[in-house]
All heavy atoms as atom14 arrays in JSON, in Angstrom:
{
  "sequence": "ELQVRLLQIPGLYDGGAIDGSFGTEVRQAVARFQKRFSIRGDETGV",
  "atom14_mask": [
    [1, 1, 1, 1, 1, 1, 1, 1, 1, 0, 0, 0, 0, 0],
    [1, 1, 1, 1, 1, 1, 1, 1, 0, 0, 0, 0, 0, 0],
    [1, 1, 1, 1, 1, 1, 1, 1, 1, 0, 0, 0, 0, 0],
    [1, 1, 1, 1, 1, 1, 1, 0, 0, 0, 0, 0, 0, 0],
    [1, 1, 1, 1, 1, 1, 1, 1, 1, 1, 1, 0, 0, 0],
    [1, 1, 1, 1, 1, 1, 1, 1, 0, 0, 0, 0, 0, 0],
    [1, 1, 1, 1, 1, 1, 1, 1, 0, 0, 0, 0, 0, 0],
    [1, 1, 1, 1, 1, 1, 1, 1, 1, 0, 0, 0, 0, 0],
    [1, 1, 1, 1, 1, 1, 1, 1, 0, 0, 0, 0, 0, 0],
    [1, 1, 1, 1, 1, 1, 1, 0, 0, 0, 0, 0, 0, 0],
    [1, 1, 1, 1, 0, 0, 0, 0, 0, 0, 0, 0, 0, 0],
    [1, 1, 1, 1, 1, 1, 1, 1, 0, 0, 0, 0, 0, 0],
    [1, 1, 1, 1, 1, 1, 1, 1, 1, 1, 1, 1, 0, 0],
    [1, 1, 1, 1, 1, 1, 1, 1, 0, 0, 0, 0, 0, 0],
    [1, 1, 1, 1, 0, 0, 0, 0, 0, 0, 0, 0, 0, 0],
    [1, 1, 1, 1, 0, 0, 0, 0, 0, 0, 0, 0, 0, 0],
    [1, 1, 1, 1, 1, 0, 0, 0, 0, 0, 0, 0, 0, 0],
    [1, 1, 1, 1, 1, 1, 1, 1, 0, 0, 0, 0, 0, 0],
    [1, 1, 1, 1, 1, 1, 1, 1, 0, 0, 0, 0, 0, 0],
    [1, 1, 1, 1, 0, 0, 0, 0, 0, 0, 0, 0, 0, 0],
    [1, 1, 1, 1, 1, 1, 0, 0, 0, 0, 0, 0, 0, 0],
    [1, 1, 1, 1, 1, 1, 1, 1, 1, 1, 1, 0, 0, 0],
    [1, 1, 1, 1, 0, 0, 0, 0, 0, 0, 0, 0, 0, 0],
    [1, 1, 1, 1, 1, 1, 1, 0, 0, 0, 0, 0, 0, 0],
    [1, 1, 1, 1, 1, 1, 1, 1, 1, 0, 0, 0, 0, 0],
    [1, 1, 1, 1, 1, 1, 1, 0, 0, 0, 0, 0, 0, 0],
    [1, 1, 1, 1, 1, 1, 1, 1, 1, 1, 1, 0, 0, 0],
    [1, 1, 1, 1, 1, 1, 1, 1, 1, 0, 0, 0, 0, 0],
    [1, 1, 1, 1, 1, 0, 0, 0, 0, 0, 0, 0, 0, 0],
    [1, 1, 1, 1, 1, 1, 1, 0, 0, 0, 0, 0, 0, 0],
    [1, 1, 1, 1, 1, 0, 0, 0, 0, 0, 0, 0, 0, 0],
    [1, 1, 1, 1, 1, 1, 1, 1, 1, 1, 1, 0, 0, 0],
    [1, 1, 1, 1, 1, 1, 1, 1, 1, 1, 1, 0, 0, 0],
    [1, 1, 1, 1, 1, 1, 1, 1, 1, 0, 0, 0, 0, 0],
    [1, 1, 1, 1, 1, 1, 1, 1, 1, 0, 0, 0, 0, 0],
    [1, 1, 1, 1, 1, 1, 1, 1, 1, 1, 1, 0, 0, 0],
    [1, 1, 1, 1, 1, 1, 1, 1, 1, 1, 1, 0, 0, 0],
    [1, 1, 1, 1, 1, 1, 0, 0, 0, 0, 0, 0, 0, 0],
    [1, 1, 1, 1, 1, 1, 1, 1, 0, 0, 0, 0, 0, 0],
    [1, 1, 1, 1, 1, 1, 1, 1, 1, 1, 1, 0, 0, 0],
    [1, 1, 1, 1, 0, 0, 0, 0, 0, 0, 0, 0, 0, 0],
    [1, 1, 1, 1, 1, 1, 1, 1, 0, 0, 0, 0, 0, 0],
    [1, 1, 1, 1, 1, 1, 1, 1, 1, 0, 0, 0, 0, 0],
    [1, 1, 1, 1, 1, 1, 1, 0, 0, 0, 0, 0, 0, 0],
    [1, 1, 1, 1, 0, 0, 0, 0, 0, 0, 0, 0, 0, 0],
    [1, 1, 1, 1, 1, 1, 1, 0, 0, 0, 0, 0, 0, 0]
  ],
  "atom14_positions": [
    [[-34.36, 60.37, 20.89], [-34.76, 61.64, 20.27], [-33.86, 61.98, 19.09], [-34.32, 62.44, 18.05], [-34.72, 62.78, 21.29], [-35.15, 64.1, 20.7], [-35.07, 65.25, 21.68], [-35.4, 65.07, 22.86], [-34.68, 66.35, 21.24], [0.0, 0.0, 0.0], [0.0, 0.0, 0.0], [0.0, 0.0, 0.0], [0.0, 0.0, 0.0], [0.0, 0.0, 0.0]],
    [[-32.58, 61.76, 19.24], [-31.63, 61.99, 18.14], [-32.0, 61.15, 16.92], [-32.05, 61.65, 15.8], [-30.21, 61.66, 18.61], [-29.12, 61.57, 17.53], [-28.97, 62.88, 16.79], [-27.8, 61.15, 18.17], [0.0, 0.0, 0.0], [0.0, 0.0, 0.0], [0.0, 0.0, 0.0], [0.0, 0.0, 0.0], [0.0, 0.0, 0.0], [0.0, 0.0, 0.0]],
    [[-32.29, 59.88, 17.14], [-32.66, 58.99, 16.03], [-33.92, 59.48, 15.33], [-34.0, 59.47, 14.09], [-32.84, 57.56, 16.54], [-31.55, 56.93, 17.0], [-31.75, 55.61, 17.73], [-32.7, 55.45, 18.47], [-30.84, 54.68, 17.53], [0.0, 0.0, 0.0], [0.0, 0.0, 0.0], [0.0, 0.0, 0.0], [0.0, 0.0, 0.0], [0.0, 0.0, 0.0]],
    [[-34.91, 59.91, 16.09], [-36.15, 60.41, 15.51], [-35.86, 61.64, 14.64], [-36.38, 61.77, 13.52], [-37.18, 60.74, 16.62], [-38.36, 61.52, 16.07], [-37.65, 59.46, 17.3], [0.0, 0.0, 0.0], [0.0, 0.0, 0.0], [0.0, 0.0, 0.0], [0.0, 0.0, 0.0], [0.0, 0.0, 0.0], [0.0, 0.0, 0.0], [0.0, 0.0, 0.0]],
    [[-35.02, 62.52, 15.14], [-34.69, 63.73, 14.38], [-33.87, 63.41, 13.12], [-34.09, 63.99, 12.06], [-33.97, 64.74, 15.26], [-34.88, 65.38, 16.27], [-34.14, 66.4, 17.14], [-34.99, 66.95, 18.16], [-35.8, 68.0, 18.0], [-35.87, 68.61, 16.85], [-36.55, 68.44, 19.0], [0.0, 0.0, 0.0], [0.0, 0.0, 0.0], [0.0, 0.0, 0.0]],
    [[-32.93, 62.49, 13.24], [-32.12, 62.12, 12.07], [-32.98, 61.55, 10.95], [-32.72, 61.8, 9.77], [-31.05, 61.11, 12.48], [-29.88, 61.64, 13.32], [-29.02, 60.48, 13.82], [-29.05, 62.64, 12.55], [0.0, 0.0, 0.0], [0.0, 0.0, 0.0], [0.0, 0.0, 0.0], [0.0, 0.0, 0.0], [0.0, 0.0, 0.0], [0.0, 0.0, 0.0]],
    [[-34.01, 60.8, 11.31], [-34.9, 60.22, 10.3], [-35.69, 61.27, 9.53], [-36.16, 61.01, 8.42], [-35.87, 59.24, 10.96], [-35.31, 57.86, 11.25], [-36.29, 57.06, 12.1], [-35.01, 57.11, 9.95], [0.0, 0.0, 0.0], [0.0, 0.0, 0.0], [0.0, 0.0, 0.0], [0.0, 0.0, 0.0], [0.0, 0.0, 0.0], [0.0, 0.0, 0.0]],
    [[-35.81, 62.47, 10.09], [-36.6, 63.52, 9.43], [-35.86, 64.17, 8.27], [-36.46, 64.86, 7.46], [-36.98, 64.6, 10.45], [-37.94, 64.11, 11.51], [-38.24, 65.17, 12.54], [-38.34, 66.35, 12.23], [-38.4, 64.74, 13.79], [0.0, 0.0, 0.0], [0.0, 0.0, 0.0], [0.0, 0.0, 0.0], [0.0, 0.0, 0.0], [0.0, 0.0, 0.0]],
    [[-34.55, 63.93, 8.17], [-33.76, 64.52, 7.09], [-33.37, 63.4, 6.12], [-32.62, 62.51, 6.49], [-32.52, 65.24, 7.64], [-32.95, 66.34, 8.6], [-31.68, 65.8, 6.5], [-31.82, 67.04, 9.3], [0.0, 0.0, 0.0], [0.0, 0.0, 0.0], [0.0, 0.0, 0.0], [0.0, 0.0, 0.0], [0.0, 0.0, 0.0], [0.0, 0.0, 0.0]],
    [[-33.92, 63.45, 4.91], [-33.65, 62.39, 3.94], [-32.16, 62.18, 3.69], [-31.39, 63.13, 3.61], [-34.35, 62.88, 2.67], [-35.4, 63.84, 3.15], [-34.81, 64.48, 4.37], [0.0, 0.0, 0.0], [0.0, 0.0, 0.0], [0.0, 0.0, 0.0], [0.0, 0.0, 0.0], [0.0, 0.0, 0.0], [0.0, 0.0, 0.0], [0.0, 0.0, 0.0]],
    [[-31.78, 60.9, 3.61], [-30.41, 60.56, 3.26], [-29.43, 60.51, 4.42], [-28.25, 60.24, 4.21], [0.0, 0.0, 0.0], [0.0, 0.0, 0.0], [0.0, 0.0, 0.0], [0.0, 0.0, 0.0], [0.0, 0.0, 0.0], [0.0, 0.0, 0.0], [0.0, 0.0, 0.0], [0.0, 0.0, 0.0], [0.0, 0.0, 0.0], [0.0, 0.0, 0.0]],
    [[-29.89, 60.75, 5.64], [-28.98, 60.7, 6.79], [-29.02, 59.36, 7.51], [-27.99, 58.77, 7.8], [-29.31, 61.8, 7.81], [-28.99, 63.23, 7.45], [-29.32, 64.15, 8.61], [-27.54, 63.39, 7.05], [0.0, 0.0, 0.0], [0.0, 0.0, 0.0], [0.0, 0.0, 0.0], [0.0, 0.0, 0.0], [0.0, 0.0, 0.0], [0.0, 0.0, 0.0]],
    [[-30.23, 58.92, 7.8], [-30.42, 57.74, 8.66], [-31.59, 56.92, 8.16], [-32.31, 56.32, 8.93], [-30.65, 58.24, 10.1], [-30.63, 57.2, 11.19], [-29.52, 56.39, 11.41], [-31.73, 57.05, 12.03], [-29.51, 55.46, 12.43], [-31.73, 56.12, 13.06], [-30.61, 55.32, 13.26], [-30.6, 54.4, 14.28], [0.0, 0.0, 0.0], [0.0, 0.0, 0.0]],
    [[-31.76, 56.92, 6.86], [-32.9, 56.22, 6.25], [-32.96, 54.76, 6.69], [-31.99, 54.02, 6.55], [-32.82, 56.3, 4.73], [-32.94, 57.73, 4.21], [-33.45, 58.59, 4.95], [-32.5, 57.98, 3.07], [0.0, 0.0, 0.0], [0.0, 0.0, 0.0], [0.0, 0.0, 0.0], [0.0, 0.0, 0.0], [0.0, 0.0, 0.0], [0.0, 0.0, 0.0]],
    [[-34.09, 54.37, 7.25], [-34.29, 53.0, 7.68], [-33.57, 52.63, 8.96], [-33.56, 51.48, 9.36], [0.0, 0.0, 0.0], [0.0, 0.0, 0.0], [0.0, 0.0, 0.0], [0.0, 0.0, 0.0], [0.0, 0.0, 0.0], [0.0, 0.0, 0.0], [0.0, 0.0, 0.0], [0.0, 0.0, 0.0], [0.0, 0.0, 0.0], [0.0, 0.0, 0.0]],
    [[-32.95, 53.62, 9.6], [-32.23, 53.35, 10.84], [-33.17, 53.02, 11.99], [-34.34, 53.41, 11.99], [0.0, 0.0, 0.0], [0.0, 0.0, 0.0], [0.0, 0.0, 0.0], [0.0, 0.0, 0.0], [0.0, 0.0, 0.0], [0.0, 0.0, 0.0], [0.0, 0.0, 0.0], [0.0, 0.0, 0.0], [0.0, 0.0, 0.0], [0.0, 0.0, 0.0]],
    [[-32.65, 52.28, 12.95], [-33.45, 51.87, 14.11], [-33.71, 53.04, 15.04], [-32.9, 53.95, 15.16], [-32.71, 50.77, 14.86], [0.0, 0.0, 0.0], [0.0, 0.0, 0.0], [0.0, 0.0, 0.0], [0.0, 0.0, 0.0], [0.0, 0.0, 0.0], [0.0, 0.0, 0.0], [0.0, 0.0, 0.0], [0.0, 0.0, 0.0], [0.0, 0.0, 0.0]],
    [[-34.87, 53.01, 15.68], [-35.2, 53.96, 16.74], [-35.3, 53.12, 18.01], [-36.36, 52.7, 18.42], [-36.51, 54.71, 16.46], [-36.41, 55.45, 15.14], [-36.82, 55.68, 17.6], [-37.64, 56.2, 14.75], [0.0, 0.0, 0.0], [0.0, 0.0, 0.0], [0.0, 0.0, 0.0], [0.0, 0.0, 0.0], [0.0, 0.0, 0.0], [0.0, 0.0, 0.0]],
    [[-34.13, 52.87, 18.59], [-34.08, 51.98, 19.75], [-33.35, 52.59, 20.94], [-33.15, 51.95, 21.96], [-33.43, 50.65, 19.36], [-32.0, 50.83, 18.82], [-31.48, 51.96, 18.81], [-31.42, 49.81, 18.39], [0.0, 0.0, 0.0], [0.0, 0.0, 0.0], [0.0, 0.0, 0.0], [0.0, 0.0, 0.0], [0.0, 0.0, 0.0], [0.0, 0.0, 0.0]],
    [[-32.92, 53.86, 20.81], [-32.23, 54.51, 21.91], [-30.8, 54.07, 22.11], [-30.2, 54.33, 23.14], [0.0, 0.0, 0.0], [0.0, 0.0, 0.0], [0.0, 0.0, 0.0], [0.0, 0.0, 0.0], [0.0, 0.0, 0.0], [0.0, 0.0, 0.0], [0.0, 0.0, 0.0], [0.0, 0.0, 0.0], [0.0, 0.0, 0.0], [0.0, 0.0, 0.0]],
    [[-30.22, 53.44, 21.1], [-28.85, 52.96, 21.2], [-27.97, 53.66, 20.16], [-28.25, 53.6, 18.96], [-28.82, 51.45, 20.96], [-27.51, 50.96, 21.06], [0.0, 0.0, 0.0], [0.0, 0.0, 0.0], [0.0, 0.0, 0.0], [0.0, 0.0, 0.0], [0.0, 0.0, 0.0], [0.0, 0.0, 0.0], [0.0, 0.0, 0.0], [0.0, 0.0, 0.0]],
    [[-26.93, 54.35, 20.62], [-26.04, 55.11, 19.74], [-24.96, 54.16, 19.23], [-23.91, 53.97, 19.83], [-25.4, 56.26, 20.52], [-24.8, 57.35, 19.68], [-25.15, 58.66, 19.92], [-23.89, 57.1, 18.67], [-24.59, 59.7, 19.19], [-23.33, 58.12, 17.92], [-23.69, 59.43, 18.18], [0.0, 0.0, 0.0], [0.0, 0.0, 0.0], [0.0, 0.0, 0.0]],
    [[-25.26, 53.56, 18.07], [-24.33, 52.62, 17.45], [-23.62, 53.26, 16.27], [-23.67, 54.47, 16.05], [0.0, 0.0, 0.0], [0.0, 0.0, 0.0], [0.0, 0.0, 0.0], [0.0, 0.0, 0.0], [0.0, 0.0, 0.0], [0.0, 0.0, 0.0], [0.0, 0.0, 0.0], [0.0, 0.0, 0.0], [0.0, 0.0, 0.0], [0.0, 0.0, 0.0]],
    [[-22.97, 52.4, 15.5], [-22.19, 52.85, 14.34], [-23.06, 53.6, 13.33], [-22.64, 54.62, 12.79], [-21.52, 51.64, 13.66], [-20.7, 50.97, 14.63], [-20.65, 52.06, 12.49], [0.0, 0.0, 0.0], [0.0, 0.0, 0.0], [0.0, 0.0, 0.0], [0.0, 0.0, 0.0], [0.0, 0.0, 0.0], [0.0, 0.0, 0.0], [0.0, 0.0, 0.0]],
    [[-24.27, 53.09, 13.07], [-25.16, 53.75, 12.1], [-25.53, 55.17, 12.54], [-25.59, 56.09, 11.73], [-26.43, 52.94, 11.88], [-26.22, 51.68, 11.07], [-27.54, 50.96, 10.82], [-28.52, 51.63, 10.41], [-27.59, 49.74, 11.03], [0.0, 0.0, 0.0], [0.0, 0.0, 0.0], [0.0, 0.0, 0.0], [0.0, 0.0, 0.0], [0.0, 0.0, 0.0]],
    [[-25.78, 55.35, 13.83], [-26.12, 56.68, 14.34], [-24.91, 57.6, 14.23], [-25.02, 58.75, 13.8], [-26.63, 56.61, 15.8], [-26.85, 58.0, 16.37], [-27.9, 55.78, 15.88], [0.0, 0.0, 0.0], [0.0, 0.0, 0.0], [0.0, 0.0, 0.0], [0.0, 0.0, 0.0], [0.0, 0.0, 0.0], [0.0, 0.0, 0.0], [0.0, 0.0, 0.0]],
    [[-23.73, 57.1, 14.59], [-22.51, 57.9, 14.49], [-22.29, 58.36, 13.06], [-21.97, 59.51, 12.8], [-21.29, 57.1, 14.99], [-19.99, 57.91, 14.89], [-18.77, 57.12, 15.33], [-18.65, 55.8, 14.75], [-18.2, 55.54, 13.52], [-17.85, 56.53, 12.72], [-18.12, 54.3, 13.09], [0.0, 0.0, 0.0], [0.0, 0.0, 0.0], [0.0, 0.0, 0.0]],
    [[-22.48, 57.44, 12.1], [-22.3, 57.79, 10.69], [-23.34, 58.8, 10.23], [-23.04, 59.71, 9.46], [-22.34, 56.52, 9.84], [-21.15, 55.63, 10.05], [-21.28, 54.26, 9.38], [-22.37, 53.85, 8.98], [-20.16, 53.55, 9.27], [0.0, 0.0, 0.0], [0.0, 0.0, 0.0], [0.0, 0.0, 0.0], [0.0, 0.0, 0.0], [0.0, 0.0, 0.0]],
    [[-24.57, 58.66, 10.72], [-25.63, 59.62, 10.36], [-25.32, 61.0, 10.92], [-25.51, 62.01, 10.24], [-26.98, 59.12, 10.86], [0.0, 0.0, 0.0], [0.0, 0.0, 0.0], [0.0, 0.0, 0.0], [0.0, 0.0, 0.0], [0.0, 0.0, 0.0], [0.0, 0.0, 0.0], [0.0, 0.0, 0.0], [0.0, 0.0, 0.0], [0.0, 0.0, 0.0]],
    [[-24.84, 61.05, 12.15], [-24.47, 62.34, 12.76], [-23.33, 62.97, 11.96], [-23.35, 64.17, 11.66], [-24.08, 62.17, 14.25], [-23.46, 63.45, 14.8], [-25.31, 61.78, 15.07], [0.0, 0.0, 0.0], [0.0, 0.0, 0.0], [0.0, 0.0, 0.0], [0.0, 0.0, 0.0], [0.0, 0.0, 0.0], [0.0, 0.0, 0.0], [0.0, 0.0, 0.0]],
    [[-22.35, 62.16, 11.57], [-21.23, 62.66, 10.77], [-21.71, 63.2, 9.42], [-21.24, 64.25, 8.96], [-20.19, 61.56, 10.57], [0.0, 0.0, 0.0], [0.0, 0.0, 0.0], [0.0, 0.0, 0.0], [0.0, 0.0, 0.0], [0.0, 0.0, 0.0], [0.0, 0.0, 0.0], [0.0, 0.0, 0.0], [0.0, 0.0, 0.0], [0.0, 0.0, 0.0]],
    [[-22.65, 62.5, 8.78], [-23.21, 62.97, 7.5], [-23.92, 64.31, 7.7], [-23.79, 65.23, 6.89], [-24.17, 61.94, 6.91], [-23.48, 60.78, 6.21], [-24.46, 59.92, 5.41], [-25.34, 59.14, 6.27], [-25.03, 57.95, 6.78], [-23.85, 57.41, 6.54], [-25.89, 57.29, 7.53], [0.0, 0.0, 0.0], [0.0, 0.0, 0.0], [0.0, 0.0, 0.0]],
    [[-24.68, 64.41, 8.79], [-25.38, 65.66, 9.08], [-24.37, 66.79, 9.28], [-24.53, 67.89, 8.73], [-26.26, 65.5, 10.33], [-26.9, 66.79, 10.77], [-28.01, 67.29, 10.1], [-26.39, 67.51, 11.83], [-28.6, 68.48, 10.48], [-26.97, 68.71, 12.22], [-28.07, 69.19, 11.54], [0.0, 0.0, 0.0], [0.0, 0.0, 0.0], [0.0, 0.0, 0.0]],
    [[-23.33, 66.54, 10.07], [-22.32, 67.57, 10.33], [-21.66, 68.03, 9.03], [-21.43, 69.22, 8.84], [-21.27, 67.03, 11.3], [-21.79, 66.84, 12.71], [-20.85, 66.04, 13.58], [-20.15, 65.13, 13.11], [-20.83, 66.36, 14.87], [0.0, 0.0, 0.0], [0.0, 0.0, 0.0], [0.0, 0.0, 0.0], [0.0, 0.0, 0.0], [0.0, 0.0, 0.0]],
    [[-21.36, 67.07, 8.15], [-20.71, 67.42, 6.89], [-21.66, 68.18, 5.97], [-21.31, 69.22, 5.41], [-20.2, 66.15, 6.2], [-19.44, 66.42, 4.93], [-18.86, 65.16, 4.34], [-18.09, 65.51, 3.07], [-17.47, 64.32, 2.48], [0.0, 0.0, 0.0], [0.0, 0.0, 0.0], [0.0, 0.0, 0.0], [0.0, 0.0, 0.0], [0.0, 0.0, 0.0]],
    [[-22.89, 67.67, 5.83], [-23.86, 68.28, 4.93], [-24.19, 69.72, 5.33], [-24.35, 70.59, 4.48], [-25.15, 67.46, 4.88], [-26.15, 67.99, 3.86], [-27.44, 67.24, 3.82], [-27.24, 65.84, 3.46], [-28.23, 64.94, 3.44], [-29.46, 65.29, 3.76], [-27.98, 63.69, 3.12], [0.0, 0.0, 0.0], [0.0, 0.0, 0.0], [0.0, 0.0, 0.0]],
    [[-24.27, 69.97, 6.63], [-24.66, 71.3, 7.11], [-23.48, 72.1, 7.66], [-23.67, 73.12, 8.31], [-25.77, 71.16, 8.17], [-27.06, 70.69, 7.59], [-27.36, 69.33, 7.53], [-27.98, 71.59, 7.06], [-28.55, 68.88, 6.98], [-29.17, 71.15, 6.49], [-29.46, 69.79, 6.45], [0.0, 0.0, 0.0], [0.0, 0.0, 0.0], [0.0, 0.0, 0.0]],
    [[-22.26, 71.63, 7.39], [-21.03, 72.33, 7.79], [-21.01, 72.7, 9.27], [-20.71, 73.83, 9.65], [-20.84, 73.6, 6.94], [-20.79, 73.28, 5.57], [0.0, 0.0, 0.0], [0.0, 0.0, 0.0], [0.0, 0.0, 0.0], [0.0, 0.0, 0.0], [0.0, 0.0, 0.0], [0.0, 0.0, 0.0], [0.0, 0.0, 0.0], [0.0, 0.0, 0.0]],
    [[-21.31, 71.71, 10.11], [-21.31, 71.92, 11.56], [-19.88, 71.82, 12.07], [-19.19, 70.84, 11.81], [-22.2, 70.88, 12.28], [-23.59, 70.8, 11.65], [-22.27, 71.16, 13.77], [-24.35, 72.08, 11.63], [0.0, 0.0, 0.0], [0.0, 0.0, 0.0], [0.0, 0.0, 0.0], [0.0, 0.0, 0.0], [0.0, 0.0, 0.0], [0.0, 0.0, 0.0]],
    [[-19.45, 72.82, 12.8], [-18.1, 72.86, 13.37], [-18.21, 72.89, 14.89], [-19.21, 73.28, 15.45], [-17.35, 74.1, 12.9], [-17.25, 74.26, 11.4], [-16.16, 73.37, 10.83], [-16.01, 73.57, 9.4], [-16.45, 72.72, 8.49], [-17.08, 71.65, 8.84], [-16.26, 72.96, 7.22], [0.0, 0.0, 0.0], [0.0, 0.0, 0.0], [0.0, 0.0, 0.0]],
    [[-17.15, 72.5, 15.55], [-17.09, 72.62, 17.0], [-17.35, 71.34, 17.76], [-17.05, 71.26, 18.95], [0.0, 0.0, 0.0], [0.0, 0.0, 0.0], [0.0, 0.0, 0.0], [0.0, 0.0, 0.0], [0.0, 0.0, 0.0], [0.0, 0.0, 0.0], [0.0, 0.0, 0.0], [0.0, 0.0, 0.0], [0.0, 0.0, 0.0], [0.0, 0.0, 0.0]],
    [[-17.91, 70.34, 17.1], [-18.13, 69.03, 17.74], [-17.26, 68.01, 16.99], [-17.04, 68.12, 15.79], [-19.59, 68.6, 17.65], [-20.52, 69.47, 18.48], [-20.07, 69.99, 19.52], [-21.69, 69.62, 18.09], [0.0, 0.0, 0.0], [0.0, 0.0, 0.0], [0.0, 0.0, 0.0], [0.0, 0.0, 0.0], [0.0, 0.0, 0.0], [0.0, 0.0, 0.0]],
    [[-16.8, 67.02, 17.72], [-16.04, 65.94, 17.11], [-16.92, 65.24, 16.07], [-18.13, 65.09, 16.26], [-15.64, 64.97, 18.22], [-14.71, 63.87, 17.79], [-14.35, 62.96, 18.96], [-14.43, 63.4, 20.13], [-14.02, 61.8, 18.68], [0.0, 0.0, 0.0], [0.0, 0.0, 0.0], [0.0, 0.0, 0.0], [0.0, 0.0, 0.0], [0.0, 0.0, 0.0]],
    [[-16.33, 64.82, 14.97], [-17.09, 64.15, 13.91], [-17.81, 62.91, 14.46], [-17.2, 62.07, 15.1], [-16.15, 63.74, 12.75], [-15.52, 64.91, 12.24], [-16.93, 63.05, 11.63], [0.0, 0.0, 0.0], [0.0, 0.0, 0.0], [0.0, 0.0, 0.0], [0.0, 0.0, 0.0], [0.0, 0.0, 0.0], [0.0, 0.0, 0.0], [0.0, 0.0, 0.0]],
    [[-19.12, 62.86, 14.21], [-19.94, 61.74, 14.65], [-20.4, 61.84, 16.09], [-21.1, 60.95, 16.57], [0.0, 0.0, 0.0], [0.0, 0.0, 0.0], [0.0, 0.0, 0.0], [0.0, 0.0, 0.0], [0.0, 0.0, 0.0], [0.0, 0.0, 0.0], [0.0, 0.0, 0.0], [0.0, 0.0, 0.0], [0.0, 0.0, 0.0], [0.0, 0.0, 0.0]],
    [[-20.04, 62.92, 16.77], [-20.44, 63.12, 18.17], [-21.53, 64.18, 18.2], [-21.41, 65.23, 17.57], [-19.24, 63.54, 19.04], [-19.69, 63.91, 20.45], [-18.22, 62.42, 19.09], [0.0, 0.0, 0.0], [0.0, 0.0, 0.0], [0.0, 0.0, 0.0], [0.0, 0.0, 0.0], [0.0, 0.0, 0.0], [0.0, 0.0, 0.0], [0.0, 0.0, 0.0]]
  ]
}
């Protein structure tokens, strides 16, 4: 579900796999999302 949602925001997880596996690409996409939207309170990439 996280991967599906990340794909909906351009530039976060473009072309990323939707396989249910939280790998390096997903961690980097989550970190980009956190930075772009100034999300605080969660560890970077978590």
